[in-house]
Each structure stands twice: as structure tokens, then as C-alpha cells.
Amino acid sequence: MLRLLVCLWLLVYSGSSFEVQNKPVTEDCLDCLCETMSGCNASAICVNGACGIFRITWGYWVEAGKLTLPTDTALSEDAFTNCVNQPHCAANTVQNYMFKHGQDCNGDEHIDCLDFGALHKLGNLKCQEELPYIFAKVFNRCLKSKERMAEEKIIKEQETVST
């Protein structure tokens, strides 16, 4: 059993072929994308061709550079589903896509998580269109919750410093 755990750890965390250098998306933003797209359901599942916790499509994966697990190549038959159903590889796929296609989708002159949400859901050519109501509601609620938690953390740290 220990040998299996060590092998799994090496598979996931060793110098794998799905590591990326440029990561414009924050952990909080990734959490909200995951929560909105799948409820962060880590079951290896595809729904209408969209797979994993971020519900990534084959085209999105290709646009993001066809990241793979260390045991695959981009030409492997299962490379797409193996990567996007593995949370770390899937998150790096999102990072690559956003680095490549990052743009101001909502016209506020800033590229931030709101733009990444639109890019993820609508794609780089349509990200300026209106988001589906349920997606926008869940995504915005998650972002507001993350903001509140960050503010509360800052207040607690300030209280600790001043006492």
C-alpha cells in the first residue's frame, strides 16, 4: 500500500509534463471555476464532452497546449481525458488557456477572475457575451464569499498585530 501511495505521489508531483510557468488565475478563482462548473466533483466524468472538475472540452484542451500526464503523450488516445480528469493537470490546462487568451471580457479595463470566468464558460471569441444566469449567479456568489473570507482574515491579522 505504501509503495502504491509513493508511486501515485511521484506520478502527480514529479517533474510532470503538465507543469506550467505562467499562472494568471488565482487559487480562489480556480476554486470558484471548479465550484461553478462541477461543484468540484472530482469523479472522472465527462458530461456532453466536457470533462473533469472544470468541465474542459477537447477543443479547450487543444487551445491550452494539450497538457498531459507524465504517463501520456499528446498523441495518446486517452491523453485528453486523463489530464482534464486529474485536478492538477486540469488546473494547469485552465492556467495555460487563460494565459494564452486572457482579455478584458467585461470592459472594465482589468483582466481578472470575472474575465477568466467568462473566458472559461464562453470561450475566447465569445467572452464578451452575456453569461448564462445560473453560471453567473453561482460564480459571483463564490467570488463574493472568497472576498469576505479574505477581508475577515486581514481584520483578524490586524487585531493580532495590535494586541
C-alpha atoms as a PDB file:
ATOM      1  CA  MET A   1       0.000   0.000   0.000  1.00  0.00           C
ATOM      2  CA  LEU A   2       2.818   2.418   0.873  1.00  0.00           C
ATOM      3  CA  ARG A   3       4.507   1.623  -2.434  1.00  0.00           C
ATOM      4  CA  LEU A   4       1.272   2.482  -4.285  1.00  0.00           C
ATOM      5  CA  LEU A   5       0.965   5.810  -2.449  1.00  0.00           C
ATOM      6  CA  VAL A   6       4.577   6.696  -3.210  1.00  0.00           C
ATOM      7  CA  CYS A   7       4.066   5.841  -6.891  1.00  0.00           C
ATOM      8  CA  LEU A   8       0.915   7.966  -7.025  1.00  0.00           C
ATOM      9  CA  TRP A   9       2.705  10.866  -5.350  1.00  0.00           C
ATOM     10  CA  LEU A  10       5.576  10.634  -7.838  1.00  0.00           C
ATOM     11  CA  LEU A  11       3.132  10.481 -10.722  1.00  0.00           C
ATOM     12  CA  VAL A  12       1.301  13.588  -9.587  1.00  0.00           C
ATOM     13  CA  TYR A  13       4.107  15.737  -8.203  1.00  0.00           C
ATOM     14  CA  SER A  14       7.288  14.794 -10.032  1.00  0.00           C
ATOM     15  CA  GLY A  15       8.537  16.888 -12.941  1.00  0.00           C
ATOM     16  CA  SER A  16       5.425  16.128 -14.897  1.00  0.00           C
ATOM     17  CA  SER A  17       4.626  17.302 -18.384  1.00  0.00           C
ATOM     18  CA  PHE A  18       1.647  19.311 -17.213  1.00  0.00           C
ATOM     19  CA  GLU A  19       3.550  21.889 -15.172  1.00  0.00           C
ATOM     20  CA  VAL A  20       3.147  25.443 -16.427  1.00  0.00           C
ATOM     21  CA  GLN A  21       5.164  28.572 -15.740  1.00  0.00           C
ATOM     22  CA  ASN A  22       2.633  31.363 -16.251  1.00  0.00           C
ATOM     23  CA  LYS A  23      -0.330  31.184 -13.917  1.00  0.00           C
ATOM     24  CA  PRO A  24      -2.592  34.229 -14.207  1.00  0.00           C
ATOM     25  CA  VAL A  25      -5.525  32.608 -12.374  1.00  0.00           C
ATOM     26  CA  THR A  26      -5.528  32.771  -8.563  1.00  0.00           C
ATOM     27  CA  GLU A  27      -6.322  29.752  -6.405  1.00  0.00           C
ATOM     28  CA  ASP A  28      -9.546  31.448  -5.279  1.00  0.00           C
ATOM     29  CA  CYS A  29     -10.571  31.977  -8.889  1.00  0.00           C
ATOM     30  CA  LEU A  30      -9.784  28.347  -9.752  1.00  0.00           C
ATOM     31  CA  ASP A  31     -11.840  27.271  -6.720  1.00  0.00           C
ATOM     32  CA  CYS A  32     -14.803  29.301  -7.967  1.00  0.00           C
ATOM     33  CA  LEU A  33     -14.481  27.981 -11.518  1.00  0.00           C
ATOM     34  CA  CYS A  34     -14.403  24.453 -10.137  1.00  0.00           C
ATOM     35  CA  GLU A  35     -17.350  25.083  -7.810  1.00  0.00           C
ATOM     36  CA  THR A  36     -19.410  26.674 -10.579  1.00  0.00           C
ATOM     37  CA  MET A  37     -18.657  24.153 -13.286  1.00  0.00           C
ATOM     38  CA  SER A  38     -18.962  20.891 -11.364  1.00  0.00           C
ATOM     39  CA  GLY A  39     -19.378  21.504  -7.649  1.00  0.00           C
ATOM     40  CA  CYS A  40     -15.718  20.385  -7.565  1.00  0.00           C
ATOM     41  CA  ASN A  41     -16.851  16.821  -8.156  1.00  0.00           C
ATOM     42  CA  ALA A  42     -13.518  15.056  -8.660  1.00  0.00           C
ATOM     43  CA  SER A  43     -15.097  11.939 -10.175  1.00  0.00           C
ATOM     44  CA  ALA A  44     -13.524  11.144 -13.531  1.00  0.00           C
ATOM     45  CA  ILE A  45     -16.545  12.087 -15.560  1.00  0.00           C
ATOM     46  CA  CYS A  46     -17.414  13.702 -18.868  1.00  0.00           C
ATOM     47  CA  VAL A  47     -20.755  15.402 -19.483  1.00  0.00           C
ATOM     48  CA  ASN A  48     -21.566  16.159 -23.120  1.00  0.00           C
ATOM     49  CA  GLY A  49     -17.848  16.097 -23.975  1.00  0.00           C
ATOM     50  CA  ALA A  50     -16.818  18.384 -21.097  1.00  0.00           C
ATOM     51  CA  CYS A  51     -14.687  16.578 -18.523  1.00  0.00           C
ATOM     52  CA  GLY A  52     -13.269  16.891 -15.031  1.00  0.00           C
ATOM     53  CA  ILE A  53     -13.811  19.399 -12.257  1.00  0.00           C
ATOM     54  CA  PHE A  54     -13.605  22.326 -14.691  1.00  0.00           C
ATOM     55  CA  ARG A  55     -15.683  20.626 -17.424  1.00  0.00           C
ATOM     56  CA  ILE A  56     -12.987  21.126 -20.035  1.00  0.00           C
ATOM     57  CA  THR A  57     -13.734  20.266 -23.665  1.00  0.00           C
ATOM     58  CA  TRP A  58     -11.330  18.699 -26.119  1.00  0.00           C
ATOM     59  CA  GLY A  59     -11.080  21.970 -28.096  1.00  0.00           C
ATOM     60  CA  TYR A  60     -10.263  23.950 -24.938  1.00  0.00           C
ATOM     61  CA  TRP A  61      -7.579  21.388 -24.033  1.00  0.00           C
ATOM     62  CA  VAL A  62      -6.075  21.687 -27.532  1.00  0.00           C
ATOM     63  CA  GLU A  63      -6.105  25.509 -27.318  1.00  0.00           C
ATOM     64  CA  ALA A  64      -4.370  25.261 -23.939  1.00  0.00           C
ATOM     65  CA  GLY A  65      -1.486  23.257 -25.384  1.00  0.00           C
ATOM     66  CA  LYS A  66      -2.556  19.624 -24.934  1.00  0.00           C
ATOM     67  CA  LEU A  67      -1.054  19.169 -21.474  1.00  0.00           C
ATOM     68  CA  THR A  68      -0.567  15.538 -20.486  1.00  0.00           C
ATOM     69  CA  LEU A  69       0.139  13.385 -17.502  1.00  0.00           C
ATOM     70  CA  PRO A  70       3.706  12.017 -17.307  1.00  0.00           C
ATOM     71  CA  THR A  71       2.475   8.610 -18.469  1.00  0.00           C
ATOM     72  CA  ASP A  72       0.911  10.029 -21.660  1.00  0.00           C
ATOM     73  CA  THR A  73       1.858  11.961 -24.758  1.00  0.00           C
ATOM     74  CA  ALA A  74      -0.447  14.388 -26.553  1.00  0.00           C
ATOM     75  CA  LEU A  75      -0.929  11.641 -29.138  1.00  0.00           C
ATOM     76  CA  SER A  76      -2.103   9.059 -26.585  1.00  0.00           C
ATOM     77  CA  GLU A  77      -5.697   8.036 -27.121  1.00  0.00           C
ATOM     78  CA  ASP A  78      -6.694   8.938 -23.558  1.00  0.00           C
ATOM     79  CA  ALA A  79      -4.376  11.953 -23.054  1.00  0.00           C
ATOM     80  CA  PHE A  80      -7.246  14.459 -23.036  1.00  0.00           C
ATOM     81  CA  THR A  81      -9.488  12.647 -20.570  1.00  0.00           C
ATOM     82  CA  ASN A  82      -6.573  11.583 -18.372  1.00  0.00           C
ATOM     83  CA  CYS A  83      -5.352  15.175 -17.998  1.00  0.00           C
ATOM     84  CA  VAL A  84      -8.649  17.000 -17.549  1.00  0.00           C
ATOM     85  CA  ASN A  85      -9.905  14.390 -15.080  1.00  0.00           C
ATOM     86  CA  GLN A  86      -6.779  14.878 -12.931  1.00  0.00           C
ATOM     87  CA  PRO A  87      -7.300  18.105 -10.889  1.00  0.00           C
ATOM     88  CA  HIS A  88      -3.711  19.413 -11.058  1.00  0.00           C
ATOM     89  CA  CYS A  89      -3.377  18.837 -14.809  1.00  0.00           C
ATOM     90  CA  ALA A  90      -6.851  20.295 -15.344  1.00  0.00           C
ATOM     91  CA  ALA A  91      -5.983  23.414 -13.320  1.00  0.00           C
ATOM     92  CA  ASN A  92      -2.820  23.885 -15.353  1.00  0.00           C
ATOM     93  CA  THR A  93      -4.859  23.485 -18.533  1.00  0.00           C
ATOM     94  CA  VAL A  94      -7.056  26.358 -17.323  1.00  0.00           C
ATOM     95  CA  GLN A  95      -3.946  28.401 -16.485  1.00  0.00           C
ATOM     96  CA  ASN A  96      -2.493  27.858 -19.974  1.00  0.00           C
ATOM     97  CA  TYR A  97      -5.793  28.733 -21.658  1.00  0.00           C
ATOM     98  CA  MET A  98      -6.138  31.932 -19.646  1.00  0.00           C
ATOM     99  CA  PHE A  99      -2.508  32.927 -20.214  1.00  0.00           C
ATOM    100  CA  LYS A 100      -2.966  32.432 -23.958  1.00  0.00           C
ATOM    101  CA  HIS A 101      -6.408  34.044 -24.283  1.00  0.00           C
ATOM    102  CA  GLY A 102      -6.577  36.441 -21.309  1.00  0.00           C
ATOM    103  CA  GLN A 103      -8.580  39.521 -22.235  1.00  0.00           C
ATOM    104  CA  ASP A 104     -10.917  42.092 -20.744  1.00  0.00           C
ATOM    105  CA  CYS A 105     -14.243  40.409 -21.437  1.00  0.00           C
ATOM    106  CA  ASN A 106     -16.425  42.705 -19.323  1.00  0.00           C
ATOM    107  CA  GLY A 107     -14.947  46.025 -20.459  1.00  0.00           C
ATOM    108  CA  ASP A 108     -13.757  47.224 -17.032  1.00  0.00           C
ATOM    109  CA  GLU A 109     -10.171  47.699 -18.271  1.00  0.00           C
ATOM    110  CA  HIS A 110      -8.837  44.963 -15.952  1.00  0.00           C
ATOM    111  CA  ILE A 111      -8.199  41.298 -16.652  1.00  0.00           C
ATOM    112  CA  ASP A 112      -9.314  39.440 -13.545  1.00  0.00           C
ATOM    113  CA  CYS A 113     -11.306  36.471 -12.353  1.00  0.00           C
ATOM    114  CA  LEU A 114     -14.561  37.829 -13.792  1.00  0.00           C
ATOM    115  CA  ASP A 115     -12.925  37.779 -17.202  1.00  0.00           C
ATOM    116  CA  PHE A 116     -11.484  34.303 -16.612  1.00  0.00           C
ATOM    117  CA  GLY A 117     -14.970  33.053 -15.728  1.00  0.00           C
ATOM    118  CA  ALA A 118     -16.372  34.437 -18.980  1.00  0.00           C
ATOM    119  CA  LEU A 119     -13.438  33.050 -20.971  1.00  0.00           C
ATOM    120  CA  HIS A 120     -13.858  29.645 -19.395  1.00  0.00           C
ATOM    121  CA  LYS A 121     -17.596  29.430 -19.911  1.00  0.00           C
ATOM    122  CA  LEU A 122     -17.981  31.196 -23.267  1.00  0.00           C
ATOM    123  CA  GLY A 123     -14.568  30.803 -24.923  1.00  0.00           C
ATOM    124  CA  ASN A 124     -12.143  33.427 -26.126  1.00  0.00           C
ATOM    125  CA  LEU A 125     -14.207  34.508 -29.130  1.00  0.00           C
ATOM    126  CA  LYS A 126     -17.481  34.978 -27.247  1.00  0.00           C
ATOM    127  CA  CYS A 127     -16.382  36.015 -23.761  1.00  0.00           C
ATOM    128  CA  GLN A 128     -17.957  39.461 -24.140  1.00  0.00           C
ATOM    129  CA  GLU A 129     -21.420  37.923 -24.475  1.00  0.00           C
ATOM    130  CA  GLU A 130     -23.764  37.556 -21.531  1.00  0.00           C
ATOM    131  CA  LEU A 131     -23.059  34.662 -19.185  1.00  0.00           C
ATOM    132  CA  PRO A 132     -25.805  32.120 -18.537  1.00  0.00           C
ATOM    133  CA  TYR A 133     -27.789  33.248 -15.485  1.00  0.00           C
ATOM    134  CA  ILE A 134     -27.099  30.225 -13.256  1.00  0.00           C
ATOM    135  CA  PHE A 135     -23.369  30.251 -14.057  1.00  0.00           C
ATOM    136  CA  ALA A 136     -23.108  33.973 -13.291  1.00  0.00           C
ATOM    137  CA  LYS A 137     -25.105  33.623 -10.068  1.00  0.00           C
ATOM    138  CA  VAL A 138     -23.052  30.729  -8.665  1.00  0.00           C
ATOM    139  CA  PHE A 139     -19.715  32.155  -9.851  1.00  0.00           C
ATOM    140  CA  ASN A 140     -20.361  35.639  -8.438  1.00  0.00           C
ATOM    141  CA  ARG A 141     -21.605  34.217  -5.131  1.00  0.00           C
ATOM    142  CA  CYS A 142     -18.430  32.160  -4.812  1.00  0.00           C
ATOM    143  CA  LEU A 143     -16.216  35.176  -5.602  1.00  0.00           C
ATOM    144  CA  LYS A 144     -18.037  37.322  -3.025  1.00  0.00           C
ATOM    145  CA  SER A 145     -17.596  34.579  -0.417  1.00  0.00           C
ATOM    146  CA  LYS A 146     -13.853  34.410  -1.184  1.00  0.00           C
ATOM    147  CA  GLU A 147     -13.606  38.215  -0.864  1.00  0.00           C
ATOM    148  CA  ARG A 148     -15.389  38.161   2.516  1.00  0.00           C
ATOM    149  CA  MET A 149     -13.096  35.430   3.810  1.00  0.00           C
ATOM    150  CA  ALA A 150     -10.014  37.380   2.683  1.00  0.00           C
ATOM    151  CA  GLU A 151     -11.286  40.552   4.373  1.00  0.00           C
ATOM    152  CA  GLU A 152     -12.019  38.666   7.600  1.00  0.00           C
ATOM    153  CA  LYS A 153      -8.528  37.178   7.541  1.00  0.00           C
ATOM    154  CA  ILE A 154      -6.968  40.643   7.170  1.00  0.00           C
ATOM    155  CA  ILE A 155      -9.049  42.002  10.067  1.00  0.00           C
ATOM    156  CA  LYS A 156      -8.018  39.085  12.308  1.00  0.00           C
ATOM    157  CA  GLU A 157      -4.345  39.568  11.392  1.00  0.00           C
ATOM    158  CA  GLN A 158      -4.596  43.286  12.170  1.00  0.00           C
ATOM    159  CA  GLU A 159      -6.243  42.550  15.518  1.00  0.00           C
ATOM    160  CA  THR A 160      -3.480  40.082  16.361  1.00  0.00           C
ATOM    161  CA  VAL A 161      -0.757  42.621  15.498  1.00  0.00           C
ATOM    162  CA  SER A 162      -2.363  45.414  17.547  1.00  0.00           C
ATOM    163  CA  THR A 163      -2.762  43.284  20.717  1.00  0.00           C
END
